[in-house]
Amino acid sequence: MIRVGTGYDSHRFAEGRPLILGGITIPHDRGLTGHSDADAVAHALTDAMLGAAAAGDIGRLFPDTDPAHKDADSMQLLAEAHRVVQSMGWTLFQCDVTVIAQAPKLAPHVPAMTMRLAEVLQVLPGQVSVKAKTNEGMGFIGRGEGIAVLAAATLVPLPPRSSPSPSLA
C-alpha cells in the first residue's frame, strides 16, 4: 500500500529577512514573510507528508499562534512532521517539489536544496525532486510579490521491526 499527499504554500516577499528555501539561504534582496523562517518549500512538503498520512496540516501541528514556533527553523518542523508520520507507521518514499518564483533564479540552488531535504528526511537524494519555474510574468509571482510552492509526497509503510532472536542458551 502507498499513500500520496499534496501540499501548497505561498509567502509574500519582505524586506530585512533572509530568503530560505529547502533549508538553504538563497542570496536575494528580500526574504519571505512568516511566523517561522517562512521556508515555503519545507512548509509545502510538510503538508504533503501530513496529508498523505491523514495527519492534518502544518498549521495544526505547528500553529502560528504558538510563540514557540516564532522564527522556527522549518527544516526542524519538517523533520518533526516526518517523525509524526513514522509514528503512524509510514515513511517517506519519494517527494516532488516545484518552486514557482520569478526571481531570484533558483536553478543553481536546486542541488543544495535536494541534498538538504534528503538529509533532513533521512532518504537518498534520488528520492527527492526539486524543480524551479517562473510564472512567465503573470500574477503576484510574476510581479515579484512572492513565491509559491507545490509538493507531492509518497509514503510507504515502515518495514516491521525485527525482534531480537530468542536466546537458545
N, C-alpha and C. Protein backbone atom coordinates (compact mmCIF):
# COMPACT_ATOMS: atom_id res chain seq x y z
N MET A 1 0.85 -1.18 0.00
CA MET A 1 0.00 0.00 0.00
C MET A 1 0.89 1.24 0.00
N ILE A 2 0.48 2.24 -0.75
CA ILE A 2 1.16 3.53 -0.73
C ILE A 2 0.13 4.63 -0.48
N ARG A 3 0.61 5.75 -0.05
CA ARG A 3 -0.24 6.92 0.15
C ARG A 3 0.42 8.11 -0.53
N VAL A 4 -0.39 8.98 -1.10
CA VAL A 4 0.12 10.17 -1.78
C VAL A 4 -0.57 11.39 -1.20
N GLY A 5 0.21 12.42 -0.92
CA GLY A 5 -0.34 13.67 -0.41
C GLY A 5 0.22 14.84 -1.19
N THR A 6 -0.54 15.93 -1.21
CA THR A 6 -0.07 17.14 -1.88
C THR A 6 -0.01 18.28 -0.87
N GLY A 7 0.84 19.24 -1.17
CA GLY A 7 0.96 20.41 -0.31
C GLY A 7 1.16 21.65 -1.14
N TYR A 8 0.77 22.78 -0.59
CA TYR A 8 0.93 24.08 -1.25
C TYR A 8 1.27 25.10 -0.18
N ASP A 9 2.14 26.03 -0.54
CA ASP A 9 2.41 27.14 0.36
C ASP A 9 2.82 28.34 -0.49
N SER A 10 2.51 29.51 0.01
CA SER A 10 2.95 30.74 -0.65
C SER A 10 3.22 31.78 0.43
N HIS A 11 4.17 32.64 0.16
CA HIS A 11 4.53 33.72 1.07
C HIS A 11 4.87 34.95 0.26
N ARG A 12 4.57 36.11 0.85
CA ARG A 12 4.96 37.39 0.25
C ARG A 12 6.42 37.67 0.57
N PHE A 13 7.04 38.44 -0.30
CA PHE A 13 8.39 38.93 -0.01
C PHE A 13 8.32 40.02 1.04
N ALA A 14 9.40 40.16 1.80
CA ALA A 14 9.51 41.20 2.83
C ALA A 14 10.97 41.64 2.92
N GLU A 15 11.15 42.92 3.18
CA GLU A 15 12.49 43.47 3.38
C GLU A 15 13.04 42.99 4.72
N GLY A 16 14.35 42.89 4.80
CA GLY A 16 15.02 42.63 6.07
C GLY A 16 14.96 41.19 6.55
N ARG A 17 14.61 40.25 5.67
CA ARG A 17 14.59 38.84 6.05
C ARG A 17 15.41 38.06 5.04
N PRO A 18 16.08 36.99 5.50
CA PRO A 18 16.79 36.15 4.53
C PRO A 18 15.78 35.30 3.74
N LEU A 19 16.15 34.96 2.52
CA LEU A 19 15.32 34.06 1.72
C LEU A 19 15.81 32.65 1.95
N ILE A 20 14.97 31.84 2.58
CA ILE A 20 15.32 30.45 2.89
C ILE A 20 14.34 29.55 2.17
N LEU A 21 14.87 28.66 1.34
CA LEU A 21 14.05 27.69 0.60
C LEU A 21 14.74 26.33 0.65
N GLY A 22 14.02 25.32 1.05
CA GLY A 22 14.60 23.99 1.13
C GLY A 22 15.77 23.91 2.10
N GLY A 23 15.73 24.77 3.12
CA GLY A 23 16.78 24.77 4.13
C GLY A 23 18.05 25.49 3.70
N ILE A 24 18.03 26.14 2.56
CA ILE A 24 19.20 26.82 2.02
C ILE A 24 18.93 28.32 1.99
N THR A 25 19.88 29.12 2.43
CA THR A 25 19.75 30.57 2.33
C THR A 25 20.17 30.99 0.92
N ILE A 26 19.24 31.61 0.22
CA ILE A 26 19.42 31.99 -1.18
C ILE A 26 19.73 33.49 -1.22
N PRO A 27 20.81 33.91 -1.88
CA PRO A 27 21.09 35.35 -1.99
C PRO A 27 19.96 36.07 -2.74
N HIS A 28 19.36 37.05 -2.09
CA HIS A 28 18.30 37.85 -2.70
C HIS A 28 18.11 39.10 -1.85
N ASP A 29 17.52 40.14 -2.42
CA ASP A 29 17.36 41.40 -1.69
C ASP A 29 16.22 41.35 -0.67
N ARG A 30 15.37 40.31 -0.74
CA ARG A 30 14.27 40.17 0.21
C ARG A 30 14.09 38.70 0.57
N GLY A 31 13.50 38.49 1.73
CA GLY A 31 13.12 37.15 2.15
C GLY A 31 11.60 37.03 2.12
N LEU A 32 11.08 36.02 2.78
CA LEU A 32 9.64 35.78 2.81
C LEU A 32 9.07 36.06 4.19
N THR A 33 7.83 36.58 4.22
CA THR A 33 7.16 36.84 5.49
C THR A 33 6.65 35.53 6.08
N GLY A 34 6.60 35.47 7.39
CA GLY A 34 6.05 34.30 8.04
C GLY A 34 6.36 34.30 9.52
N HIS A 35 5.63 33.46 10.25
CA HIS A 35 5.84 33.32 11.69
C HIS A 35 7.16 32.61 11.96
N SER A 36 7.45 31.59 11.14
CA SER A 36 8.71 30.86 11.27
C SER A 36 9.73 31.52 10.34
N ASP A 37 10.68 30.75 9.83
CA ASP A 37 11.63 31.31 8.87
C ASP A 37 11.03 31.43 7.47
N ALA A 38 9.76 31.03 7.31
CA ALA A 38 8.99 31.17 6.06
C ALA A 38 9.54 30.35 4.90
N ASP A 39 10.14 29.20 5.21
CA ASP A 39 10.66 28.31 4.17
C ASP A 39 9.47 27.61 3.51
N ALA A 40 8.99 28.18 2.40
CA ALA A 40 7.80 27.67 1.73
C ALA A 40 7.99 26.25 1.18
N VAL A 41 9.21 25.89 0.84
CA VAL A 41 9.48 24.52 0.38
C VAL A 41 9.22 23.54 1.52
N ALA A 42 9.78 23.81 2.68
CA ALA A 42 9.57 22.92 3.83
C ALA A 42 8.10 22.88 4.22
N HIS A 43 7.41 24.01 4.16
CA HIS A 43 6.01 24.06 4.55
C HIS A 43 5.13 23.24 3.60
N ALA A 44 5.34 23.40 2.29
CA ALA A 44 4.54 22.64 1.33
C ALA A 44 4.82 21.14 1.45
N LEU A 45 6.08 20.78 1.64
CA LEU A 45 6.43 19.36 1.77
C LEU A 45 5.89 18.78 3.08
N THR A 46 5.92 19.56 4.14
CA THR A 46 5.33 19.12 5.41
C THR A 46 3.85 18.81 5.22
N ASP A 47 3.13 19.71 4.57
CA ASP A 47 1.70 19.48 4.31
C ASP A 47 1.48 18.25 3.44
N ALA A 48 2.33 18.03 2.44
CA ALA A 48 2.18 16.86 1.57
C ALA A 48 2.34 15.57 2.36
N MET A 49 3.35 15.52 3.23
CA MET A 49 3.56 14.30 4.04
C MET A 49 2.42 14.09 5.02
N LEU A 50 2.05 15.15 5.72
CA LEU A 50 0.97 15.03 6.71
C LEU A 50 -0.34 14.66 6.02
N GLY A 51 -0.59 15.21 4.85
CA GLY A 51 -1.80 14.89 4.10
C GLY A 51 -1.82 13.42 3.69
N ALA A 52 -0.69 12.92 3.22
CA ALA A 52 -0.62 11.51 2.82
C ALA A 52 -0.92 10.58 3.99
N ALA A 53 -0.52 10.99 5.18
CA ALA A 53 -0.75 10.17 6.38
C ALA A 53 -2.10 10.46 7.03
N ALA A 54 -2.88 11.38 6.44
CA ALA A 54 -4.15 11.82 7.03
C ALA A 54 -3.93 12.34 8.46
N ALA A 55 -2.85 13.15 8.59
CA ALA A 55 -2.45 13.66 9.90
C ALA A 55 -2.60 15.17 10.00
N GLY A 56 -3.50 15.75 9.23
CA GLY A 56 -3.73 17.18 9.33
C GLY A 56 -2.79 17.98 8.45
N ASP A 57 -2.40 19.15 8.96
CA ASP A 57 -1.53 20.03 8.18
C ASP A 57 -0.56 20.75 9.11
N ILE A 58 0.33 21.52 8.51
CA ILE A 58 1.38 22.19 9.27
C ILE A 58 0.80 23.14 10.31
N GLY A 59 -0.29 23.82 9.98
CA GLY A 59 -0.90 24.76 10.92
C GLY A 59 -1.49 24.09 12.15
N ARG A 60 -1.95 22.88 11.99
CA ARG A 60 -2.49 22.13 13.13
C ARG A 60 -1.36 21.61 14.01
N LEU A 61 -0.27 21.14 13.36
CA LEU A 61 0.84 20.58 14.11
C LEU A 61 1.70 21.66 14.75
N PHE A 62 1.90 22.77 14.02
CA PHE A 62 2.75 23.87 14.50
C PHE A 62 2.00 25.19 14.32
N PRO A 63 1.00 25.49 15.16
CA PRO A 63 0.19 26.69 14.97
C PRO A 63 1.02 27.97 15.06
N ASP A 64 0.68 28.93 14.19
CA ASP A 64 1.41 30.20 14.21
C ASP A 64 1.00 31.08 15.39
N THR A 65 0.06 30.61 16.18
CA THR A 65 -0.32 31.32 17.40
C THR A 65 0.56 30.90 18.58
N ASP A 66 1.38 29.88 18.39
CA ASP A 66 2.26 29.38 19.44
C ASP A 66 3.60 30.11 19.36
N PRO A 67 3.95 30.88 20.38
CA PRO A 67 5.22 31.62 20.33
C PRO A 67 6.44 30.71 20.19
N ALA A 68 6.31 29.45 20.53
CA ALA A 68 7.43 28.52 20.42
C ALA A 68 7.88 28.35 18.97
N HIS A 69 6.99 28.64 18.02
CA HIS A 69 7.33 28.47 16.61
C HIS A 69 7.78 29.76 15.94
N LYS A 70 7.84 30.86 16.72
CA LYS A 70 8.29 32.14 16.17
C LYS A 70 9.73 32.00 15.68
N ASP A 71 9.96 32.33 14.42
CA ASP A 71 11.27 32.25 13.78
C ASP A 71 11.86 30.83 13.77
N ALA A 72 11.00 29.82 13.89
CA ALA A 72 11.46 28.43 13.91
C ALA A 72 12.15 28.05 12.62
N ASP A 73 13.10 27.15 12.72
CA ASP A 73 13.76 26.56 11.56
C ASP A 73 12.79 25.55 10.95
N SER A 74 12.29 25.84 9.76
CA SER A 74 11.27 24.99 9.15
C SER A 74 11.79 23.60 8.80
N MET A 75 13.10 23.44 8.70
CA MET A 75 13.64 22.11 8.46
C MET A 75 13.47 21.24 9.71
N GLN A 76 13.55 21.86 10.88
CA GLN A 76 13.27 21.11 12.11
C GLN A 76 11.79 20.73 12.18
N LEU A 77 10.91 21.62 11.72
CA LEU A 77 9.48 21.30 11.69
C LEU A 77 9.21 20.17 10.70
N LEU A 78 9.89 20.19 9.55
CA LEU A 78 9.75 19.12 8.56
C LEU A 78 10.20 17.79 9.14
N ALA A 79 11.33 17.78 9.83
CA ALA A 79 11.83 16.55 10.45
C ALA A 79 10.84 16.04 11.50
N GLU A 80 10.28 16.95 12.29
CA GLU A 80 9.30 16.54 13.31
C GLU A 80 8.04 15.98 12.65
N ALA A 81 7.59 16.59 11.56
CA ALA A 81 6.43 16.07 10.83
C ALA A 81 6.71 14.67 10.30
N HIS A 82 7.94 14.44 9.83
CA HIS A 82 8.29 13.09 9.36
C HIS A 82 8.27 12.09 10.52
N ARG A 83 8.71 12.52 11.70
CA ARG A 83 8.64 11.63 12.87
C ARG A 83 7.18 11.31 13.21
N VAL A 84 6.30 12.29 13.09
CA VAL A 84 4.87 12.06 13.34
C VAL A 84 4.34 11.02 12.35
N VAL A 85 4.67 11.19 11.09
CA VAL A 85 4.24 10.26 10.04
C VAL A 85 4.77 8.85 10.35
N GLN A 86 6.04 8.78 10.77
CA GLN A 86 6.63 7.49 11.10
C GLN A 86 5.96 6.86 12.31
N SER A 87 5.55 7.68 13.28
CA SER A 87 4.87 7.13 14.45
C SER A 87 3.52 6.53 14.09
N MET A 88 3.01 6.91 12.91
CA MET A 88 1.74 6.36 12.42
C MET A 88 1.97 5.15 11.52
N GLY A 89 3.23 4.73 11.37
CA GLY A 89 3.54 3.54 10.60
C GLY A 89 3.92 3.79 9.15
N TRP A 90 4.21 5.05 8.77
CA TRP A 90 4.53 5.41 7.39
C TRP A 90 5.91 6.05 7.33
N THR A 91 6.51 6.03 6.16
CA THR A 91 7.75 6.75 5.94
C THR A 91 7.77 7.30 4.52
N LEU A 92 8.55 8.35 4.33
CA LEU A 92 8.63 8.97 3.01
C LEU A 92 9.36 8.04 2.05
N PHE A 93 8.77 7.81 0.90
CA PHE A 93 9.41 7.04 -0.16
C PHE A 93 9.99 7.97 -1.22
N GLN A 94 9.22 9.02 -1.56
CA GLN A 94 9.64 9.94 -2.62
C GLN A 94 8.89 11.24 -2.46
N CYS A 95 9.51 12.34 -2.86
CA CYS A 95 8.80 13.61 -2.88
C CYS A 95 9.20 14.41 -4.11
N ASP A 96 8.28 15.28 -4.53
CA ASP A 96 8.47 16.11 -5.71
C ASP A 96 8.02 17.52 -5.35
N VAL A 97 8.90 18.49 -5.53
CA VAL A 97 8.64 19.87 -5.13
C VAL A 97 8.84 20.78 -6.34
N THR A 98 7.90 21.69 -6.56
CA THR A 98 8.04 22.71 -7.60
C THR A 98 7.96 24.08 -6.94
N VAL A 99 9.03 24.85 -7.08
CA VAL A 99 9.09 26.21 -6.54
C VAL A 99 8.79 27.16 -7.70
N ILE A 100 7.81 28.05 -7.50
CA ILE A 100 7.42 28.99 -8.54
C ILE A 100 7.83 30.38 -8.07
N ALA A 101 8.83 30.94 -8.76
CA ALA A 101 9.37 32.25 -8.38
C ALA A 101 9.85 32.97 -9.64
N GLN A 102 9.50 34.21 -9.78
CA GLN A 102 10.00 35.00 -10.91
C GLN A 102 11.48 35.32 -10.68
N ALA A 103 11.82 35.64 -9.46
CA ALA A 103 13.20 35.93 -9.08
C ALA A 103 13.34 35.60 -7.61
N PRO A 104 14.48 35.19 -7.18
CA PRO A 104 15.71 35.03 -7.93
C PRO A 104 15.70 33.74 -8.75
N LYS A 105 16.69 33.57 -9.62
CA LYS A 105 16.84 32.33 -10.37
C LYS A 105 17.27 31.25 -9.38
N LEU A 106 16.50 30.17 -9.31
CA LEU A 106 16.73 29.15 -8.30
C LEU A 106 17.48 27.93 -8.81
N ALA A 107 17.58 27.75 -10.12
CA ALA A 107 18.21 26.54 -10.67
C ALA A 107 19.59 26.26 -10.06
N PRO A 108 20.44 27.27 -9.86
CA PRO A 108 21.75 26.97 -9.27
C PRO A 108 21.68 26.42 -7.84
N HIS A 109 20.55 26.63 -7.16
CA HIS A 109 20.41 26.23 -5.76
C HIS A 109 19.67 24.90 -5.59
N VAL A 110 19.13 24.38 -6.69
CA VAL A 110 18.34 23.14 -6.62
C VAL A 110 19.15 21.97 -6.07
N PRO A 111 20.40 21.73 -6.52
CA PRO A 111 21.14 20.60 -5.95
C PRO A 111 21.33 20.71 -4.43
N ALA A 112 21.62 21.90 -3.93
CA ALA A 112 21.80 22.07 -2.47
C ALA A 112 20.48 21.85 -1.73
N MET A 113 19.37 22.34 -2.30
CA MET A 113 18.07 22.11 -1.66
C MET A 113 17.76 20.61 -1.63
N THR A 114 18.02 19.92 -2.74
CA THR A 114 17.78 18.49 -2.81
C THR A 114 18.56 17.75 -1.74
N MET A 115 19.84 18.07 -1.63
CA MET A 115 20.69 17.40 -0.63
C MET A 115 20.23 17.69 0.79
N ARG A 116 19.86 18.94 1.06
CA ARG A 116 19.43 19.31 2.42
C ARG A 116 18.13 18.62 2.79
N LEU A 117 17.17 18.58 1.86
CA LEU A 117 15.90 17.89 2.13
C LEU A 117 16.14 16.40 2.36
N ALA A 118 16.98 15.78 1.54
CA ALA A 118 17.28 14.36 1.70
C ALA A 118 17.92 14.10 3.07
N GLU A 119 18.83 14.97 3.47
CA GLU A 119 19.49 14.83 4.77
C GLU A 119 18.48 14.90 5.92
N VAL A 120 17.62 15.91 5.88
CA VAL A 120 16.66 16.11 6.97
C VAL A 120 15.65 14.96 7.04
N LEU A 121 15.24 14.47 5.87
CA LEU A 121 14.23 13.41 5.81
C LEU A 121 14.84 12.01 5.87
N GLN A 122 16.15 11.93 5.91
CA GLN A 122 16.88 10.67 6.01
C GLN A 122 16.52 9.72 4.87
N VAL A 123 16.54 10.27 3.65
CA VAL A 123 16.33 9.48 2.44
C VAL A 123 17.49 9.77 1.49
N LEU A 124 17.57 9.02 0.41
CA LEU A 124 18.60 9.24 -0.60
C LEU A 124 18.24 10.45 -1.45
N PRO A 125 19.22 11.18 -1.94
CA PRO A 125 18.92 12.34 -2.81
C PRO A 125 18.06 11.97 -4.01
N GLY A 126 18.18 10.76 -4.51
CA GLY A 126 17.37 10.32 -5.64
C GLY A 126 15.89 10.17 -5.32
N GLN A 127 15.54 10.26 -4.05
CA GLN A 127 14.14 10.19 -3.63
C GLN A 127 13.52 11.57 -3.50
N VAL A 128 14.32 12.61 -3.76
CA VAL A 128 13.87 13.99 -3.62
C VAL A 128 14.02 14.70 -4.97
N SER A 129 12.93 15.26 -5.46
CA SER A 129 12.97 16.04 -6.70
C SER A 129 12.59 17.47 -6.37
N VAL A 130 13.42 18.41 -6.79
CA VAL A 130 13.14 19.83 -6.62
C VAL A 130 13.29 20.49 -7.99
N LYS A 131 12.29 21.25 -8.38
CA LYS A 131 12.31 21.96 -9.65
C LYS A 131 11.98 23.43 -9.39
N ALA A 132 12.49 24.30 -10.26
CA ALA A 132 12.19 25.73 -10.15
C ALA A 132 11.57 26.20 -11.46
N LYS A 133 10.50 26.96 -11.35
CA LYS A 133 9.78 27.51 -12.50
C LYS A 133 9.54 28.99 -12.27
N THR A 134 9.36 29.73 -13.36
CA THR A 134 8.89 31.11 -13.24
C THR A 134 7.39 31.09 -13.49
N ASN A 135 6.77 32.23 -13.36
CA ASN A 135 5.34 32.33 -13.65
C ASN A 135 5.10 33.16 -14.91
N GLU A 136 6.16 33.24 -15.75
CA GLU A 136 6.08 33.94 -17.03
C GLU A 136 5.55 35.37 -16.88
N GLY A 137 5.88 36.01 -15.75
CA GLY A 137 5.48 37.39 -15.54
C GLY A 137 4.02 37.60 -15.13
N MET A 138 3.29 36.51 -14.92
CA MET A 138 1.86 36.64 -14.59
C MET A 138 1.61 36.60 -13.09
N GLY A 139 0.56 37.29 -12.65
CA GLY A 139 0.07 37.22 -11.28
C GLY A 139 1.04 37.76 -10.24
N PHE A 140 0.74 37.47 -8.96
CA PHE A 140 1.56 38.01 -7.87
C PHE A 140 2.99 37.50 -7.94
N ILE A 141 3.18 36.28 -8.43
CA ILE A 141 4.54 35.75 -8.55
C ILE A 141 5.27 36.49 -9.66
N GLY A 142 4.63 36.63 -10.79
CA GLY A 142 5.24 37.33 -11.92
C GLY A 142 5.59 38.77 -11.62
N ARG A 143 4.81 39.40 -10.76
CA ARG A 143 5.09 40.80 -10.36
C ARG A 143 6.17 40.88 -9.29
N GLY A 144 6.68 39.73 -8.84
CA GLY A 144 7.73 39.73 -7.83
C GLY A 144 7.25 39.98 -6.43
N GLU A 145 5.98 39.69 -6.16
CA GLU A 145 5.42 39.94 -4.83
C GLU A 145 5.64 38.77 -3.87
N GLY A 146 5.91 37.59 -4.40
CA GLY A 146 6.07 36.44 -3.53
C GLY A 146 6.45 35.19 -4.30
N ILE A 147 6.43 34.08 -3.59
CA ILE A 147 6.81 32.76 -4.10
C ILE A 147 5.73 31.77 -3.71
N ALA A 148 5.50 30.79 -4.56
CA ALA A 148 4.59 29.69 -4.24
C ALA A 148 5.32 28.37 -4.46
N VAL A 149 4.88 27.34 -3.73
CA VAL A 149 5.50 26.02 -3.84
C VAL A 149 4.40 24.96 -3.85
N LEU A 150 4.55 24.01 -4.76
CA LEU A 150 3.70 22.82 -4.81
C LEU A 150 4.55 21.62 -4.42
N ALA A 151 3.98 20.67 -3.69
CA ALA A 151 4.73 19.49 -3.30
C ALA A 151 3.83 18.26 -3.33
N ALA A 152 4.43 17.13 -3.64
CA ALA A 152 3.76 15.84 -3.55
C ALA A 152 4.68 14.91 -2.77
N ALA A 153 4.08 14.06 -1.96
CA ALA A 153 4.85 13.09 -1.17
C ALA A 153 4.20 11.73 -1.28
N THR A 154 5.03 10.73 -1.46
CA THR A 154 4.57 9.34 -1.48
C THR A 154 5.08 8.67 -0.21
N LEU A 155 4.17 8.09 0.54
CA LEU A 155 4.53 7.37 1.76
C LEU A 155 4.33 5.88 1.54
N VAL A 156 5.17 5.09 2.19
CA VAL A 156 5.02 3.64 2.20
C VAL A 156 5.05 3.18 3.65
N PRO A 157 4.50 1.99 3.92
CA PRO A 157 4.55 1.51 5.30
C PRO A 157 5.98 1.32 5.77
N LEU A 158 6.20 1.62 7.03
CA LEU A 158 7.50 1.32 7.63
C LEU A 158 7.69 -0.19 7.63
N PRO A 159 8.91 -0.67 7.40
CA PRO A 159 9.11 -2.11 7.49
C PRO A 159 8.92 -2.55 8.94
N PRO A 160 8.40 -3.77 9.13
CA PRO A 160 8.21 -4.24 10.51
C PRO A 160 9.55 -4.30 11.23
N ARG A 161 9.51 -3.95 12.48
CA ARG A 161 10.75 -4.05 13.29
C ARG A 161 11.03 -5.52 13.53
N SER A 162 12.29 -5.86 13.33
CA SER A 162 12.64 -7.26 13.62
C SER A 162 12.89 -7.38 15.13
N SER A 163 12.32 -8.39 15.68
CA SER A 163 12.51 -8.59 17.12
C SER A 163 13.79 -9.40 17.31
N PRO A 164 14.44 -9.18 18.42
CA PRO A 164 15.67 -9.93 18.67
C PRO A 164 15.38 -11.43 18.70
N SER A 165 16.33 -12.19 18.18
CA SER A 165 16.11 -13.63 18.18
C SER A 165 16.16 -14.16 19.61
N PRO A 166 15.29 -15.12 19.87
CA PRO A 166 15.28 -15.67 21.23
C PRO A 166 16.59 -16.38 21.52
N SER A 167 17.00 -16.26 22.72
CA SER A 167 18.24 -16.91 23.14
C SER A 167 18.02 -18.41 23.22
N LEU A 168 18.97 -19.14 22.72
CA LEU A 168 18.87 -20.60 22.76
C LEU A 168 19.66 -21.15 23.95
N ALA A 169 20.21 -20.30 24.77
CA ALA A 169 21.03 -20.76 25.89
C ALA A 169 20.20 -21.29 27.02
